[in-house]
C-alpha cells in the first residue's frame, strides 16, 4: 500500500529568461503550489494515507505549459491559475475523477 492515496507533483523548475525551452515557474507554478498545499491542509486532506502536494523539478513537458502530475493515477495536467488547481483538487484528488479539459 502506498503511503499516500494520491500524490500531486507540481513542476516549479525555472530557467533563465530567453532559454530555449519555457519553464513552469516563470508561469507562476510556485504560487500555485503554495495555494494547493494550503488548500489541501485546510480541507484536512494532508498526511499519511491521504494527499501529498509536492514541488517537482523539471517534468520535461515544458512546451505544454505549467505541468503537474497525479500519482498513482499517472494523469498529467497543465494549468493556468489557482482556479484550475482547485478543479484538479476537487474533482481528481477528492472525487477520483480526472479533469479532461486540463489533461495533457
N, C-alpha and C. Protein backbone atom coordinates (compact mmCIF):
# COMPACT_ATOMS: atom_id res chain seq x y z
N UNK A 1 0.84 -1.19 0.00
CA UNK A 1 0.00 0.00 0.00
C UNK A 1 0.88 1.25 0.00
N UNK A 2 0.48 2.22 -0.77
CA UNK A 2 1.22 3.47 -0.87
C UNK A 2 1.05 4.29 0.41
N UNK A 3 2.05 5.08 0.73
CA UNK A 3 1.98 5.94 1.91
C UNK A 3 0.91 7.01 1.77
N UNK A 4 0.66 7.44 0.54
CA UNK A 4 -0.37 8.45 0.25
C UNK A 4 -1.39 7.85 -0.71
N UNK A 5 -2.63 8.26 -0.58
CA UNK A 5 -3.67 7.84 -1.51
C UNK A 5 -3.39 8.43 -2.89
N UNK A 6 -3.09 9.72 -2.91
CA UNK A 6 -2.72 10.40 -4.15
C UNK A 6 -1.58 11.38 -3.86
N UNK A 7 -0.76 11.59 -4.86
CA UNK A 7 0.41 12.45 -4.75
C UNK A 7 0.38 13.41 -5.94
N UNK A 8 0.33 14.72 -5.67
CA UNK A 8 0.32 15.74 -6.72
C UNK A 8 1.69 16.40 -6.78
N UNK A 9 2.39 16.20 -7.88
CA UNK A 9 3.68 16.84 -8.10
C UNK A 9 3.46 18.02 -9.03
N UNK A 10 3.90 19.20 -8.61
CA UNK A 10 3.78 20.41 -9.42
C UNK A 10 5.18 20.90 -9.78
N UNK A 11 5.44 21.01 -11.07
CA UNK A 11 6.75 21.46 -11.52
C UNK A 11 6.97 22.93 -11.15
N UNK A 12 8.11 23.20 -10.55
CA UNK A 12 8.49 24.58 -10.23
C UNK A 12 9.85 24.92 -10.83
N UNK A 13 10.24 24.18 -11.86
CA UNK A 13 11.52 24.43 -12.50
C UNK A 13 11.54 25.84 -13.09
N UNK A 14 12.69 26.48 -12.96
CA UNK A 14 12.83 27.84 -13.52
C UNK A 14 14.10 27.94 -14.34
N UNK A 15 13.91 28.31 -15.57
CA UNK A 15 15.05 28.58 -16.46
C UNK A 15 15.18 30.09 -16.61
N UNK A 16 16.33 30.50 -17.02
CA UNK A 16 16.56 31.93 -17.24
C UNK A 16 15.68 32.42 -18.39
N UNK A 17 15.27 33.67 -18.30
CA UNK A 17 14.51 34.26 -19.40
C UNK A 17 15.34 34.16 -20.67
N UNK A 18 14.67 33.84 -21.75
CA UNK A 18 15.36 33.69 -23.02
C UNK A 18 15.91 32.30 -23.25
N UNK A 19 15.69 31.37 -22.33
CA UNK A 19 16.15 30.00 -22.51
C UNK A 19 15.44 29.36 -23.70
N UNK A 20 16.01 28.32 -24.23
CA UNK A 20 15.44 27.65 -25.40
C UNK A 20 14.07 27.04 -25.11
N UNK A 21 13.84 26.60 -23.88
CA UNK A 21 12.57 25.98 -23.51
C UNK A 21 11.90 26.82 -22.43
N UNK A 22 10.57 26.82 -22.39
CA UNK A 22 9.86 27.55 -21.32
C UNK A 22 10.06 26.86 -19.98
N UNK A 23 9.69 27.54 -18.92
CA UNK A 23 9.76 26.92 -17.59
C UNK A 23 8.51 27.24 -16.80
N UNK A 24 8.07 26.25 -16.03
CA UNK A 24 6.81 26.36 -15.29
C UNK A 24 6.82 27.50 -14.28
N UNK A 25 7.94 27.70 -13.61
CA UNK A 25 7.94 28.71 -12.54
C UNK A 25 7.77 30.12 -13.08
N UNK A 26 8.22 30.37 -14.29
CA UNK A 26 8.01 31.69 -14.87
C UNK A 26 6.53 31.94 -15.18
N UNK A 27 5.73 30.86 -15.13
CA UNK A 27 4.27 30.96 -15.33
C UNK A 27 3.52 30.94 -14.00
N UNK A 28 4.23 31.06 -12.88
CA UNK A 28 3.58 31.15 -11.58
C UNK A 28 3.34 29.84 -10.86
N UNK A 29 4.05 28.79 -11.22
CA UNK A 29 3.78 27.50 -10.59
C UNK A 29 4.12 27.45 -9.11
N UNK A 30 5.11 28.20 -8.63
CA UNK A 30 5.41 28.21 -7.19
C UNK A 30 4.25 28.81 -6.39
N UNK A 31 3.63 29.84 -6.92
CA UNK A 31 2.47 30.45 -6.28
C UNK A 31 1.31 29.44 -6.23
N UNK A 32 1.08 28.75 -7.34
CA UNK A 32 0.01 27.76 -7.41
C UNK A 32 0.30 26.59 -6.47
N UNK A 33 1.55 26.18 -6.37
CA UNK A 33 1.94 25.12 -5.43
C UNK A 33 1.58 25.50 -4.00
N UNK A 34 1.94 26.70 -3.59
CA UNK A 34 1.65 27.15 -2.22
C UNK A 34 0.14 27.18 -1.97
N UNK A 35 -0.62 27.61 -2.97
CA UNK A 35 -2.08 27.61 -2.87
C UNK A 35 -2.60 26.19 -2.69
N UNK A 36 -2.12 25.25 -3.50
CA UNK A 36 -2.58 23.86 -3.43
C UNK A 36 -2.25 23.24 -2.08
N UNK A 37 -1.04 23.47 -1.58
CA UNK A 37 -0.65 22.92 -0.27
C UNK A 37 -1.55 23.47 0.84
N UNK A 38 -1.80 24.77 0.82
CA UNK A 38 -2.65 25.39 1.84
C UNK A 38 -4.08 24.87 1.75
N UNK A 39 -4.59 24.72 0.55
CA UNK A 39 -5.97 24.26 0.37
C UNK A 39 -6.14 22.82 0.84
N UNK A 40 -5.19 21.97 0.51
CA UNK A 40 -5.26 20.56 0.95
C UNK A 40 -5.21 20.50 2.48
N UNK A 41 -4.37 21.32 3.08
CA UNK A 41 -4.28 21.35 4.54
C UNK A 41 -5.59 21.86 5.15
N UNK A 42 -6.14 22.95 4.61
CA UNK A 42 -7.42 23.49 5.10
C UNK A 42 -8.55 22.47 5.02
N UNK A 43 -8.51 21.64 3.98
CA UNK A 43 -9.54 20.63 3.78
C UNK A 43 -9.33 19.38 4.64
N UNK A 44 -8.20 19.34 5.36
CA UNK A 44 -7.89 18.18 6.20
C UNK A 44 -7.52 16.95 5.39
N UNK A 45 -7.00 17.17 4.18
CA UNK A 45 -6.68 16.05 3.30
C UNK A 45 -5.19 15.69 3.29
N UNK A 46 -4.38 16.41 4.06
CA UNK A 46 -2.94 16.16 4.04
C UNK A 46 -2.58 15.08 5.05
N UNK A 47 -1.46 14.42 4.80
CA UNK A 47 -0.94 13.43 5.74
C UNK A 47 -0.99 12.02 5.20
N UNK A 48 -0.41 11.12 5.97
CA UNK A 48 -0.32 9.71 5.58
C UNK A 48 -1.70 9.15 5.26
N UNK A 49 -1.75 8.38 4.18
CA UNK A 49 -3.00 7.77 3.76
C UNK A 49 -3.94 8.72 3.04
N UNK A 50 -3.51 9.97 2.89
CA UNK A 50 -4.37 10.98 2.25
C UNK A 50 -3.66 11.53 1.02
N UNK A 51 -3.50 12.85 0.95
CA UNK A 51 -2.94 13.50 -0.23
C UNK A 51 -1.65 14.23 0.13
N UNK A 52 -0.69 14.17 -0.75
CA UNK A 52 0.56 14.93 -0.61
C UNK A 52 0.71 15.81 -1.84
N UNK A 53 0.94 17.10 -1.61
CA UNK A 53 1.24 18.04 -2.69
C UNK A 53 2.70 18.41 -2.55
N UNK A 54 3.44 18.30 -3.64
CA UNK A 54 4.88 18.47 -3.55
C UNK A 54 5.44 19.14 -4.79
N UNK A 55 6.46 19.96 -4.57
CA UNK A 55 7.16 20.59 -5.69
C UNK A 55 7.99 19.53 -6.40
N UNK A 56 8.11 19.73 -7.70
CA UNK A 56 8.95 18.84 -8.51
C UNK A 56 9.89 19.70 -9.34
N UNK A 57 11.00 19.11 -9.69
CA UNK A 57 11.88 19.74 -10.66
C UNK A 57 11.25 19.54 -12.04
N UNK A 58 12.02 19.72 -13.07
CA UNK A 58 11.50 19.63 -14.42
C UNK A 58 10.86 18.27 -14.68
N UNK A 59 9.62 18.31 -15.13
CA UNK A 59 8.89 17.10 -15.50
C UNK A 59 9.00 16.84 -17.01
N UNK A 60 9.73 17.69 -17.71
CA UNK A 60 10.09 17.53 -19.11
C UNK A 60 8.90 17.54 -20.07
N UNK A 61 7.89 18.34 -19.72
CA UNK A 61 6.77 18.56 -20.66
C UNK A 61 6.58 20.07 -20.80
N UNK A 62 7.68 20.76 -20.84
CA UNK A 62 7.75 22.22 -20.76
C UNK A 62 6.92 22.94 -21.82
N UNK A 63 6.87 22.40 -23.01
CA UNK A 63 6.17 23.08 -24.10
C UNK A 63 4.65 23.02 -23.95
N UNK A 64 4.17 22.29 -22.96
CA UNK A 64 2.72 22.13 -22.79
C UNK A 64 2.16 23.03 -21.70
N UNK A 65 2.97 23.97 -21.22
CA UNK A 65 2.54 24.90 -20.18
C UNK A 65 2.94 24.40 -18.81
N UNK A 66 2.59 25.15 -17.75
CA UNK A 66 2.90 24.69 -16.41
C UNK A 66 2.31 23.29 -16.22
N UNK A 67 3.07 22.41 -15.61
CA UNK A 67 2.72 21.00 -15.59
C UNK A 67 2.66 20.44 -14.18
N UNK A 68 1.69 19.51 -14.00
CA UNK A 68 1.64 18.72 -12.76
C UNK A 68 1.17 17.32 -13.12
N UNK A 69 1.39 16.39 -12.20
CA UNK A 69 1.00 15.00 -12.42
C UNK A 69 0.47 14.43 -11.12
N UNK A 70 -0.58 13.62 -11.23
CA UNK A 70 -1.18 12.95 -10.08
C UNK A 70 -0.79 11.48 -10.13
N UNK A 71 -0.17 11.01 -9.05
CA UNK A 71 0.15 9.59 -8.90
C UNK A 71 -0.65 9.04 -7.75
N UNK A 72 -1.03 7.77 -7.75
CA UNK A 72 -0.55 6.73 -8.65
C UNK A 72 -1.29 6.66 -9.97
N UNK A 73 -2.20 7.58 -10.22
CA UNK A 73 -3.04 7.52 -11.41
C UNK A 73 -2.29 7.80 -12.71
N UNK A 74 -1.18 8.53 -12.62
CA UNK A 74 -0.41 8.84 -13.82
C UNK A 74 -1.13 9.79 -14.76
N UNK A 75 -1.91 10.71 -14.21
CA UNK A 75 -2.64 11.68 -15.03
C UNK A 75 -1.87 13.00 -15.02
N UNK A 76 -1.55 13.48 -16.21
CA UNK A 76 -0.78 14.71 -16.40
C UNK A 76 -1.72 15.85 -16.74
N UNK A 77 -1.44 17.01 -16.13
CA UNK A 77 -2.25 18.21 -16.35
C UNK A 77 -1.38 19.41 -16.67
N UNK A 78 -1.99 20.36 -17.34
CA UNK A 78 -1.47 21.71 -17.41
C UNK A 78 -2.47 22.60 -16.69
N UNK A 79 -2.05 23.77 -16.28
CA UNK A 79 -2.92 24.67 -15.53
C UNK A 79 -2.52 26.11 -15.81
N UNK A 80 -3.45 27.01 -15.53
CA UNK A 80 -3.17 28.43 -15.71
C UNK A 80 -3.06 29.13 -14.37
N UNK A 81 -3.94 28.77 -13.44
CA UNK A 81 -4.02 29.52 -12.19
C UNK A 81 -4.58 28.66 -11.06
N UNK A 82 -4.83 29.30 -9.93
CA UNK A 82 -5.35 28.62 -8.75
C UNK A 82 -6.71 27.98 -9.00
N UNK A 83 -7.53 28.60 -9.83
CA UNK A 83 -8.85 28.02 -10.12
C UNK A 83 -8.72 26.67 -10.82
N UNK A 84 -7.75 26.54 -11.71
CA UNK A 84 -7.52 25.25 -12.36
C UNK A 84 -7.06 24.20 -11.34
N UNK A 85 -6.15 24.59 -10.46
CA UNK A 85 -5.67 23.65 -9.44
C UNK A 85 -6.80 23.28 -8.50
N UNK A 86 -7.66 24.23 -8.15
CA UNK A 86 -8.82 23.91 -7.31
C UNK A 86 -9.70 22.86 -7.98
N UNK A 87 -9.87 22.98 -9.29
CA UNK A 87 -10.69 22.00 -10.01
C UNK A 87 -10.02 20.62 -9.97
N UNK A 88 -8.70 20.57 -10.12
CA UNK A 88 -7.97 19.30 -10.03
C UNK A 88 -8.12 18.72 -8.63
N UNK A 89 -8.00 19.57 -7.61
CA UNK A 89 -8.15 19.09 -6.22
C UNK A 89 -9.55 18.54 -6.01
N UNK A 90 -10.57 19.34 -6.34
CA UNK A 90 -11.95 18.94 -6.07
C UNK A 90 -12.37 17.71 -6.86
N UNK A 91 -12.04 17.68 -8.13
CA UNK A 91 -12.50 16.60 -8.99
C UNK A 91 -11.63 15.35 -8.86
N UNK A 92 -10.32 15.52 -9.01
CA UNK A 92 -9.44 14.36 -9.07
C UNK A 92 -8.97 13.89 -7.69
N UNK A 93 -8.41 14.80 -6.91
CA UNK A 93 -7.85 14.37 -5.63
C UNK A 93 -8.92 13.97 -4.62
N UNK A 94 -10.05 14.65 -4.63
CA UNK A 94 -11.12 14.35 -3.69
C UNK A 94 -12.06 13.27 -4.22
N UNK A 95 -12.48 13.40 -5.48
CA UNK A 95 -13.52 12.51 -6.02
C UNK A 95 -13.02 11.45 -6.99
N UNK A 96 -11.72 11.47 -7.31
CA UNK A 96 -11.16 10.45 -8.18
C UNK A 96 -11.53 10.57 -9.64
N UNK A 97 -12.04 11.73 -10.06
CA UNK A 97 -12.45 11.93 -11.45
C UNK A 97 -11.49 12.93 -12.11
N UNK A 98 -10.78 12.46 -13.13
CA UNK A 98 -9.82 13.31 -13.84
C UNK A 98 -10.54 14.49 -14.49
N UNK A 99 -9.82 15.59 -14.64
CA UNK A 99 -10.36 16.81 -15.26
C UNK A 99 -9.91 16.81 -16.73
N UNK A 100 -10.80 16.36 -17.59
CA UNK A 100 -10.45 16.18 -19.00
C UNK A 100 -9.95 17.45 -19.67
N UNK A 101 -10.54 18.60 -19.36
CA UNK A 101 -10.18 19.83 -20.06
C UNK A 101 -8.74 20.29 -19.74
N UNK A 102 -8.17 19.80 -18.65
CA UNK A 102 -6.81 20.21 -18.27
C UNK A 102 -5.76 19.12 -18.54
N UNK A 103 -6.21 17.96 -18.96
CA UNK A 103 -5.28 16.86 -19.22
C UNK A 103 -4.33 17.19 -20.37
N UNK A 104 -3.12 16.72 -20.24
CA UNK A 104 -2.15 16.80 -21.32
C UNK A 104 -2.26 15.50 -22.11
